[in-house]
Amino acid sequence: MKPIQIAENIYWVGAIDWDVRDFHGYSTNRGTTYNAFLIMGEKITLIDTVKKSMKADLIARIREIVDPEKIDYIVVNHVEMDHSGALPEMMELIKPEKLICSTMGQKALVQHFHREDWPYEIAVPGKDVSLGEKTLSFLETRMLHWPDSMFTYVKEDKILFSSDAFGMHLGTSERFDDQVDPAILMEELTKYYANILTLYSPLVKKLIVKVKEMGLEIKMIAPDHGVVWRKNPMMAIEAYERWSRHEGKGNAMIIYDTMWHSTEMMAKEVANGLQDEGISVKLYNLRYNHRSDVMKEALDASAIILGCPTLNNGLLPRMAGFLMYMRGLRPTNKIGAAFGSYGWSGEAVKLLNEAMTEMKFDLVDDGIKVKYVPEAGELSHCVELGRKVGQALKEKL
């Protein structure tokens, strides 16, 4: 694929990773892109690089436009290796006048590559860098989602190079939002936020307020993964604003694992109780649903009900792993409840409740545990648990 012009004298020169299916525990079933951008001007500037294994693609696309040795500046918005892995080789090839990054970015680059001799220049918010006909300004975005993260803004074109924010894992030959099915865009944007940025929602909220206060006009958003938002950048911004508030849609999800189907029987009856109250509910068996897909749905859920049998005085491994993953992302503003079967000890429900309490879920019940196979009366209690969650949801809304 050749480089693609996204604005006058600004080109996408990144790489498409069609084959990646796991991104530190997050399933990437549609692959991903590592976006890099070349700005042609009096000072030719490369915005970000790519994963080390993709450096040949980056160099080939740059050569379609200009000899890489003529590049003057490299901007590093984010040091994570999928964006800076090719940086040492690019530094050797280009030998730029300046390597522009945040204060924390310089520290991280030294810690990753042990090169204190590179020509670092700290990007200072409010201090512009002129490229001739184009001007760069910078916005520090610490912990979105690394300490070094920053945005770069081209004033003349009103393009925001947003690092990982507003991106998605989507490998596609199409480069722009208006070239891709909107349903796919929203699905992948949601999944990315849910699995990468949920933990940092308070910072997302502050950032959006800051951008509005600055009166920053954004014509286009160019993230480091996925498509460039040229038709509807507000779609991404408005979604982030909504998700940062952790506002559910009034629906419920039941996330469970089961050993000999007893907990599964309970899950279905809890779902019946929710439906009796007119609440939309989905069931997710962790045996068949990847944790990152479950977290995508959890982002918009108002109630999360967890079910698991007891194994060796604890939880089944899939539920234990999922809880560790979800606790790390810290979804908030959820109603919660728990249930599960057991053989002789029965600690699972207590452990589920403790996890939800730690995440500050509003528990509506102590939970239900059933020994071995539930009887009709015990299943009716599960229905009642679902109704209780449904009633709490309606009161909250």
Protein backbone atom coordinates (compact mmCIF):
# COMPACT_ATOMS: atom_id res chain seq x y z
CA MET A 1 0.00 0.00 0.00
CA LYS A 2 1.23 3.47 -0.90
CA PRO A 3 1.21 6.42 1.51
CA ILE A 4 -2.16 8.13 1.78
CA GLN A 5 -2.64 11.88 1.89
CA ILE A 6 -4.88 12.94 4.77
CA ALA A 7 -4.47 16.72 4.27
CA GLU A 8 -2.33 19.03 2.19
CA ASN A 9 1.29 17.90 2.63
CA ILE A 10 0.34 15.44 5.41
CA TYR A 11 0.50 11.71 4.74
CA TRP A 12 -0.24 8.44 6.51
CA VAL A 13 2.90 6.31 6.29
CA GLY A 14 2.14 3.68 8.93
CA ALA A 15 1.73 -0.09 8.83
CA ILE A 16 -1.14 -2.59 8.92
CA ASP A 17 -0.84 -5.66 11.12
CA TRP A 18 -3.35 -8.06 9.61
CA ASP A 19 -2.36 -11.03 11.78
CA VAL A 20 -2.16 -9.82 15.40
CA ARG A 21 -4.86 -11.48 17.52
CA ASP A 22 -3.76 -10.61 21.04
CA PHE A 23 -2.64 -7.30 22.46
CA HIS A 24 -1.48 -7.83 26.05
CA GLY A 25 -4.56 -9.87 26.90
CA TYR A 26 -6.99 -8.00 24.63
CA SER A 27 -8.30 -9.98 21.64
CA THR A 28 -7.72 -8.16 18.35
CA ASN A 29 -9.80 -10.26 15.99
CA ARG A 30 -9.69 -7.65 13.22
CA GLY A 31 -5.97 -6.96 13.48
CA THR A 32 -4.67 -3.43 13.97
CA THR A 33 -2.70 -0.59 12.44
CA TYR A 34 0.32 1.30 13.72
CA ASN A 35 -0.22 4.78 12.37
CA ALA A 36 2.60 7.17 11.59
CA PHE A 37 2.30 10.47 9.73
CA LEU A 38 4.68 12.52 7.61
CA ILE A 39 4.34 16.30 7.41
CA MET A 40 6.09 17.87 4.43
CA GLY A 41 7.31 21.42 4.88
CA GLU A 42 10.36 23.54 5.46
CA LYS A 43 11.01 21.21 8.38
CA ILE A 44 9.88 17.71 7.39
CA THR A 45 8.43 15.96 10.40
CA LEU A 46 7.55 12.36 11.21
CA ILE A 47 4.79 11.90 13.79
CA ASP A 48 5.42 8.59 15.61
CA THR A 49 6.95 5.41 14.22
CA VAL A 50 5.69 1.81 14.23
CA LYS A 51 6.25 -1.59 15.80
CA LYS A 52 9.80 -2.81 15.18
CA SER A 53 8.71 -5.70 12.96
CA MET A 54 6.87 -3.22 10.69
CA LYS A 55 9.74 -0.77 10.12
CA ALA A 56 10.23 -1.84 6.47
CA ASP A 57 6.65 -0.80 5.68
CA LEU A 58 7.20 2.57 7.32
CA ILE A 59 10.45 3.23 5.47
CA ALA A 60 9.03 2.13 2.11
CA ARG A 61 6.05 4.49 2.43
CA ILE A 62 8.25 7.40 3.46
CA ARG A 63 10.53 6.76 0.45
CA GLU A 64 7.49 7.12 -1.84
CA ILE A 65 7.39 10.77 -0.71
CA VAL A 66 10.88 11.78 0.35
CA ASP A 67 14.32 10.42 1.15
CA PRO A 68 14.06 9.58 4.90
CA GLU A 69 17.41 11.27 5.50
CA LYS A 70 15.75 14.59 4.66
CA ILE A 71 13.38 14.35 7.63
CA ASP A 72 14.24 17.08 10.17
CA TYR A 73 12.12 16.24 13.21
CA ILE A 74 10.60 13.14 14.78
CA VAL A 75 7.72 13.57 17.22
CA VAL A 76 7.06 10.77 19.72
CA ASN A 77 3.57 11.08 21.17
CA HIS A 78 3.77 7.76 23.00
CA VAL A 79 6.72 5.53 23.90
CA GLU A 80 4.93 2.16 24.01
CA MET A 81 6.78 -0.25 21.76
CA ASP A 82 4.05 -0.62 19.15
CA HIS A 83 4.75 3.04 18.32
CA SER A 84 8.42 3.44 19.18
CA GLY A 85 9.81 -0.03 18.46
CA ALA A 86 11.22 1.12 15.12
CA LEU A 87 12.57 4.38 16.58
CA PRO A 88 16.24 3.37 17.08
CA GLU A 89 16.55 2.29 13.44
CA MET A 90 14.72 5.42 12.26
CA MET A 91 16.99 7.62 14.39
CA GLU A 92 20.02 5.95 12.81
CA LEU A 93 18.61 6.35 9.29
CA ILE A 94 17.25 9.89 9.63
CA LYS A 95 19.61 11.50 12.16
CA PRO A 96 16.99 14.20 12.91
CA GLU A 97 17.77 17.65 14.26
CA LYS A 98 15.17 17.18 16.99
CA LEU A 99 13.39 14.32 18.72
CA ILE A 100 10.32 16.00 20.18
CA CYS A 101 8.58 14.36 23.15
CA SER A 102 7.14 15.12 26.56
CA THR A 103 9.26 15.37 29.71
CA MET A 104 8.13 11.92 30.75
CA GLY A 105 8.62 10.79 27.17
CA GLN A 106 12.33 11.60 27.30
CA LYS A 107 12.69 9.64 30.53
CA ALA A 108 10.83 6.67 29.06
CA LEU A 109 12.83 6.71 25.84
CA VAL A 110 16.09 6.66 27.77
CA GLN A 111 14.81 3.83 29.94
CA HIS A 112 13.68 1.83 26.90
CA PHE A 113 16.59 2.44 24.52
CA HIS A 114 19.38 3.73 26.79
CA ARG A 115 20.26 6.58 24.44
CA GLU A 116 20.87 9.80 26.30
CA ASP A 117 22.68 11.23 23.27
CA TRP A 118 19.60 11.62 21.07
CA PRO A 119 18.63 15.26 20.25
CA TYR A 120 15.71 15.48 22.65
CA GLU A 121 13.52 18.56 22.69
CA ILE A 122 10.77 18.77 25.27
CA ALA A 123 7.32 19.61 23.87
CA VAL A 124 6.05 22.41 26.07
CA PRO A 125 2.29 23.14 26.07
CA GLY A 126 1.82 26.69 24.86
CA LYS A 127 5.17 26.77 23.05
CA ASP A 128 4.68 26.12 19.34
CA VAL A 129 7.12 24.54 16.90
CA SER A 130 7.15 26.01 13.41
CA LEU A 131 7.64 23.72 10.44
CA GLY A 132 7.41 26.61 7.97
CA GLU A 133 3.88 26.67 6.58
CA LYS A 134 2.60 24.49 9.42
CA THR A 135 2.73 24.93 13.18
CA LEU A 136 2.71 22.24 15.85
CA SER A 137 1.37 22.71 19.34
CA PHE A 138 1.29 20.14 22.12
CA LEU A 139 -1.01 18.96 24.85
CA GLU A 140 0.34 16.78 27.63
CA THR A 141 -1.99 13.84 28.37
CA ARG A 142 -0.27 11.93 31.16
CA MET A 143 -1.72 8.49 31.87
CA LEU A 144 -3.81 8.36 28.70
CA HIS A 145 -2.64 5.73 28.95
CA TRP A 146 1.09 5.97 29.79
CA PRO A 147 2.89 8.71 31.78
CA ASP A 148 4.61 9.96 28.61
CA SER A 149 1.49 10.36 26.45
CA MET A 150 0.85 13.63 24.62
CA PHE A 151 -1.16 15.01 21.69
CA THR A 152 0.25 16.98 18.78
CA TYR A 153 -1.96 19.52 16.98
CA VAL A 154 -1.41 21.06 13.54
CA LYS A 155 -2.92 24.52 13.85
CA GLU A 156 -3.36 25.30 10.16
CA ASP A 157 -5.13 22.02 9.32
CA LYS A 158 -6.81 21.59 12.71
CA ILE A 159 -5.62 17.99 12.91
CA LEU A 160 -5.16 16.35 16.31
CA PHE A 161 -2.59 13.56 16.37
CA SER A 162 -4.02 11.87 19.43
CA SER A 163 -1.65 9.01 20.19
CA ASP A 164 -3.68 6.03 21.49
CA ALA A 165 -6.75 8.11 22.39
CA PHE A 166 -9.74 7.86 20.00
CA GLY A 167 -8.13 4.84 18.34
CA MET A 168 -9.13 1.23 17.83
CA HIS A 169 -7.60 -2.09 16.91
CA LEU A 170 -8.82 -2.42 13.34
CA GLY A 171 -6.67 -3.67 10.49
CA THR A 172 -8.12 -2.25 7.29
CA SER A 173 -6.94 -0.90 3.95
CA GLU A 174 -9.38 1.99 4.43
CA ARG A 175 -7.84 4.93 6.26
CA PHE A 176 -10.85 7.10 7.11
CA ASP A 177 -13.95 6.75 9.26
CA ASP A 178 -16.34 7.43 6.37
CA GLN A 179 -14.92 4.42 4.49
CA VAL A 180 -15.79 1.86 7.19
CA ASP A 181 -19.13 0.51 8.42
CA PRO A 182 -20.15 2.77 11.35
CA ALA A 183 -21.26 -0.28 13.36
CA ILE A 184 -17.75 -1.74 13.14
CA LEU A 185 -16.22 1.61 14.08
CA MET A 186 -18.37 1.90 17.19
CA GLU A 187 -17.80 -1.72 18.17
CA GLU A 188 -14.02 -1.38 17.99
CA LEU A 189 -13.93 2.11 19.51
CA THR A 190 -15.99 0.81 22.44
CA LYS A 191 -13.80 -2.23 22.89
CA TYR A 192 -10.66 -0.13 22.85
CA TYR A 193 -11.92 2.30 25.47
CA ALA A 194 -13.29 -0.50 27.66
CA ASN A 195 -10.04 -2.45 27.71
CA ILE A 196 -7.46 0.34 27.62
CA LEU A 197 -8.93 3.53 29.05
CA THR A 198 -11.72 2.64 31.51
CA LEU A 199 -9.25 2.93 34.39
CA TYR A 200 -8.31 6.45 33.29
CA SER A 201 -11.86 7.77 32.86
CA PRO A 202 -11.42 10.60 35.41
CA LEU A 203 -8.47 11.86 33.35
CA VAL A 204 -10.43 11.51 30.10
CA LYS A 205 -13.19 13.63 31.61
CA LYS A 206 -10.71 16.35 32.64
CA LEU A 207 -9.04 16.29 29.22
CA ILE A 208 -12.29 16.82 27.34
CA VAL A 209 -13.16 19.74 29.63
CA LYS A 210 -9.70 21.22 29.02
CA VAL A 211 -10.01 20.90 25.24
CA LYS A 212 -13.38 22.64 25.35
CA GLU A 213 -11.99 25.43 27.53
CA MET A 214 -9.10 25.91 25.09
CA GLY A 215 -11.59 26.28 22.25
CA LEU A 216 -9.51 23.84 20.23
CA GLU A 217 -11.15 23.41 16.84
CA ILE A 218 -10.75 19.85 15.64
CA LYS A 219 -11.35 19.12 11.97
CA MET A 220 -9.70 15.70 12.02
CA ILE A 221 -8.40 13.22 14.62
CA ALA A 222 -5.49 10.99 13.64
CA PRO A 223 -4.88 8.33 16.32
CA ASP A 224 -2.06 5.81 16.45
CA HIS A 225 -4.39 2.84 15.85
CA GLY A 226 -7.27 2.40 13.42
CA VAL A 227 -8.88 4.96 11.14
CA VAL A 228 -8.44 8.71 10.83
CA TRP A 229 -11.59 10.56 11.87
CA ARG A 230 -12.18 13.06 9.06
CA LYS A 231 -15.97 13.00 8.59
CA ASN A 232 -17.19 12.80 12.17
CA PRO A 233 -14.46 13.32 14.80
CA MET A 234 -17.15 14.37 17.27
CA MET A 235 -18.49 10.81 17.20
CA ALA A 236 -15.32 9.67 18.97
CA ILE A 237 -15.16 12.66 21.32
CA GLU A 238 -18.80 12.38 22.37
CA ALA A 239 -18.43 8.65 22.98
CA TYR A 240 -15.37 9.25 25.19
CA GLU A 241 -17.22 11.95 27.09
CA ARG A 242 -20.12 9.57 27.75
CA TRP A 243 -17.93 6.63 28.72
CA SER A 244 -15.80 8.77 31.04
CA ARG A 245 -18.91 9.31 33.18
CA HIS A 246 -19.48 5.53 33.44
CA GLU A 247 -23.15 5.99 32.68
CA GLY A 248 -24.86 2.70 31.90
CA LYS A 249 -27.77 2.25 29.53
CA GLY A 250 -30.11 0.68 32.07
CA ASN A 251 -29.26 -2.87 31.01
CA ALA A 252 -27.80 -5.85 32.87
CA MET A 253 -25.26 -8.53 32.10
CA ILE A 254 -24.71 -11.87 33.79
CA ILE A 255 -21.10 -13.05 33.66
CA TYR A 256 -20.54 -16.60 34.82
CA ASP A 257 -18.57 -19.79 34.64
CA THR A 258 -19.96 -23.22 35.38
CA MET A 259 -18.58 -26.66 36.17
CA TRP A 260 -21.47 -29.13 35.83
CA HIS A 261 -24.16 -26.65 34.67
CA SER A 262 -25.67 -25.92 38.10
CA THR A 263 -24.40 -22.32 38.09
CA GLU A 264 -25.55 -22.04 34.48
CA MET A 265 -29.08 -23.09 35.53
CA MET A 266 -29.00 -20.35 38.17
CA ALA A 267 -27.77 -17.77 35.64
CA LYS A 268 -30.71 -18.41 33.35
CA GLU A 269 -33.21 -17.99 36.19
CA VAL A 270 -31.59 -14.74 37.30
CA ALA A 271 -32.00 -13.58 33.70
CA ASN A 272 -35.69 -14.54 33.82
CA GLY A 273 -36.14 -12.37 36.89
CA LEU A 274 -34.54 -9.40 35.17
CA GLN A 275 -36.76 -9.87 32.14
CA ASP A 276 -39.81 -10.02 34.42
CA GLU A 277 -38.88 -6.46 35.43
CA GLY A 278 -38.51 -5.37 31.80
CA ILE A 279 -34.72 -5.16 31.96
CA SER A 280 -32.61 -6.01 28.91
CA VAL A 281 -30.06 -8.67 29.88
CA LYS A 282 -27.27 -10.64 28.20
CA LEU A 283 -25.53 -13.77 29.49
CA TYR A 284 -21.78 -14.29 29.07
CA ASN A 285 -20.32 -17.70 29.77
CA LEU A 286 -16.59 -17.15 30.28
CA ARG A 287 -15.87 -20.51 28.68
CA TYR A 288 -16.98 -19.09 25.34
CA ASN A 289 -16.48 -15.32 25.63
CA HIS A 290 -13.11 -13.59 25.75
CA ARG A 291 -12.57 -11.28 28.72
CA SER A 292 -11.95 -8.25 26.47
CA ASP A 293 -15.26 -8.79 24.63
CA VAL A 294 -17.05 -9.12 27.98
CA MET A 295 -15.47 -5.85 29.16
CA LYS A 296 -16.65 -4.14 25.99
CA GLU A 297 -20.23 -4.96 26.99
CA ALA A 298 -19.57 -4.08 30.63
CA LEU A 299 -18.69 -0.51 29.65
CA ASP A 300 -22.34 0.34 28.95
CA ALA A 301 -23.98 -2.04 31.46
CA SER A 302 -25.75 -0.62 34.50
CA ALA A 303 -25.76 -3.92 36.41
CA ILE A 304 -23.23 -6.72 36.51
CA ILE A 305 -24.19 -10.03 38.11
CA LEU A 306 -21.43 -12.58 38.64
CA GLY A 307 -21.89 -16.33 38.98
CA CYS A 308 -19.31 -19.02 39.78
CA PRO A 309 -19.11 -22.37 41.52
CA THR A 310 -16.56 -22.97 44.27
CA LEU A 311 -13.37 -24.81 43.39
CA ASN A 312 -10.74 -25.60 46.03
CA ASN A 313 -12.20 -23.00 48.41
CA GLY A 314 -11.99 -20.39 45.66
CA LEU A 315 -13.15 -19.54 42.17
CA LEU A 316 -12.89 -21.35 38.87
CA PRO A 317 -9.73 -20.14 37.08
CA ARG A 318 -11.57 -18.35 34.27
CA MET A 319 -13.62 -16.29 36.73
CA ALA A 320 -10.58 -15.59 38.90
CA GLY A 321 -8.68 -14.37 35.85
CA PHE A 322 -11.59 -12.27 34.64
CA LEU A 323 -12.01 -10.65 38.06
CA MET A 324 -8.33 -9.72 38.15
CA TYR A 325 -8.70 -8.20 34.68
CA MET A 326 -11.88 -6.28 35.52
CA ARG A 327 -10.55 -5.02 38.86
CA GLY A 328 -7.54 -3.58 37.04
CA LEU A 329 -9.85 -1.57 34.76
CA ARG A 330 -12.07 -0.46 37.67
CA PRO A 331 -15.48 0.06 36.11
CA THR A 332 -17.68 2.08 38.43
CA ASN A 333 -21.30 3.11 38.95
CA LYS A 334 -22.63 -0.46 38.65
CA ILE A 335 -25.27 -2.41 40.55
CA GLY A 336 -23.97 -5.84 41.49
CA ALA A 337 -25.04 -9.25 42.77
CA ALA A 338 -23.55 -12.76 42.96
CA PHE A 339 -24.61 -16.39 42.86
CA GLY A 340 -23.05 -19.83 42.54
CA SER A 341 -23.17 -23.51 43.35
CA TYR A 342 -20.81 -25.50 45.55
CA GLY A 343 -20.11 -29.00 46.79
CA TRP A 344 -18.89 -28.70 50.37
CA SER A 345 -17.30 -25.33 51.22
CA GLY A 346 -19.01 -22.59 49.17
CA GLU A 347 -16.66 -19.58 49.28
CA ALA A 348 -17.24 -18.38 45.70
CA VAL A 349 -20.17 -16.03 46.33
CA LYS A 350 -18.32 -14.36 49.21
CA LEU A 351 -15.27 -13.84 47.00
CA LEU A 352 -17.38 -12.39 44.18
CA ASN A 353 -19.04 -9.98 46.61
CA GLU A 354 -15.67 -8.90 47.98
CA ALA A 355 -14.41 -8.16 44.47
CA MET A 356 -17.49 -6.09 43.60
CA THR A 357 -17.30 -4.24 46.92
CA GLU A 358 -13.68 -3.37 46.14
CA MET A 359 -14.84 -1.95 42.80
CA LYS A 360 -17.52 0.03 44.66
CA PHE A 361 -20.47 -1.74 43.05
CA ASP A 362 -23.80 -1.25 44.82
CA LEU A 363 -24.66 -4.77 45.98
CA VAL A 364 -28.39 -5.41 46.23
CA ASP A 365 -28.14 -8.74 48.03
CA ASP A 366 -25.75 -11.02 49.91
CA GLY A 367 -26.04 -13.41 47.00
CA ILE A 368 -27.32 -16.95 46.53
CA LYS A 369 -25.36 -20.16 46.86
CA VAL A 370 -26.77 -23.61 46.18
CA LYS A 371 -25.31 -26.98 47.12
CA TYR A 372 -24.78 -29.27 44.14
CA VAL A 373 -27.84 -29.12 41.84
CA PRO A 374 -30.50 -26.46 42.49
CA GLU A 375 -34.06 -27.52 43.25
CA ALA A 376 -37.15 -25.70 42.01
CA GLY A 377 -37.40 -23.58 45.17
CA GLU A 378 -33.77 -22.54 44.92
CA LEU A 379 -34.19 -21.60 41.27
CA SER A 380 -37.15 -19.42 42.25
CA HIS A 381 -34.79 -17.58 44.62
CA CYS A 382 -32.57 -16.91 41.61
CA VAL A 383 -35.55 -15.42 39.79
CA GLU A 384 -36.14 -13.20 42.81
CA LEU A 385 -32.52 -12.09 42.77
CA GLY A 386 -32.95 -11.02 39.16
CA ARG A 387 -36.12 -9.14 40.03
CA LYS A 388 -34.37 -7.40 42.92
CA VAL A 389 -31.57 -6.23 40.62
CA GLY A 390 -34.14 -5.11 38.06
CA GLN A 391 -36.06 -3.10 40.63
CA ALA A 392 -32.85 -1.47 41.87
CA LEU A 393 -32.00 -0.54 38.29
CA LYS A 394 -35.39 1.08 37.72
CA GLU A 395 -35.06 3.05 40.97
CA LYS A 396 -31.60 4.25 39.92
CA LEU A 397 -32.84 5.39 36.53
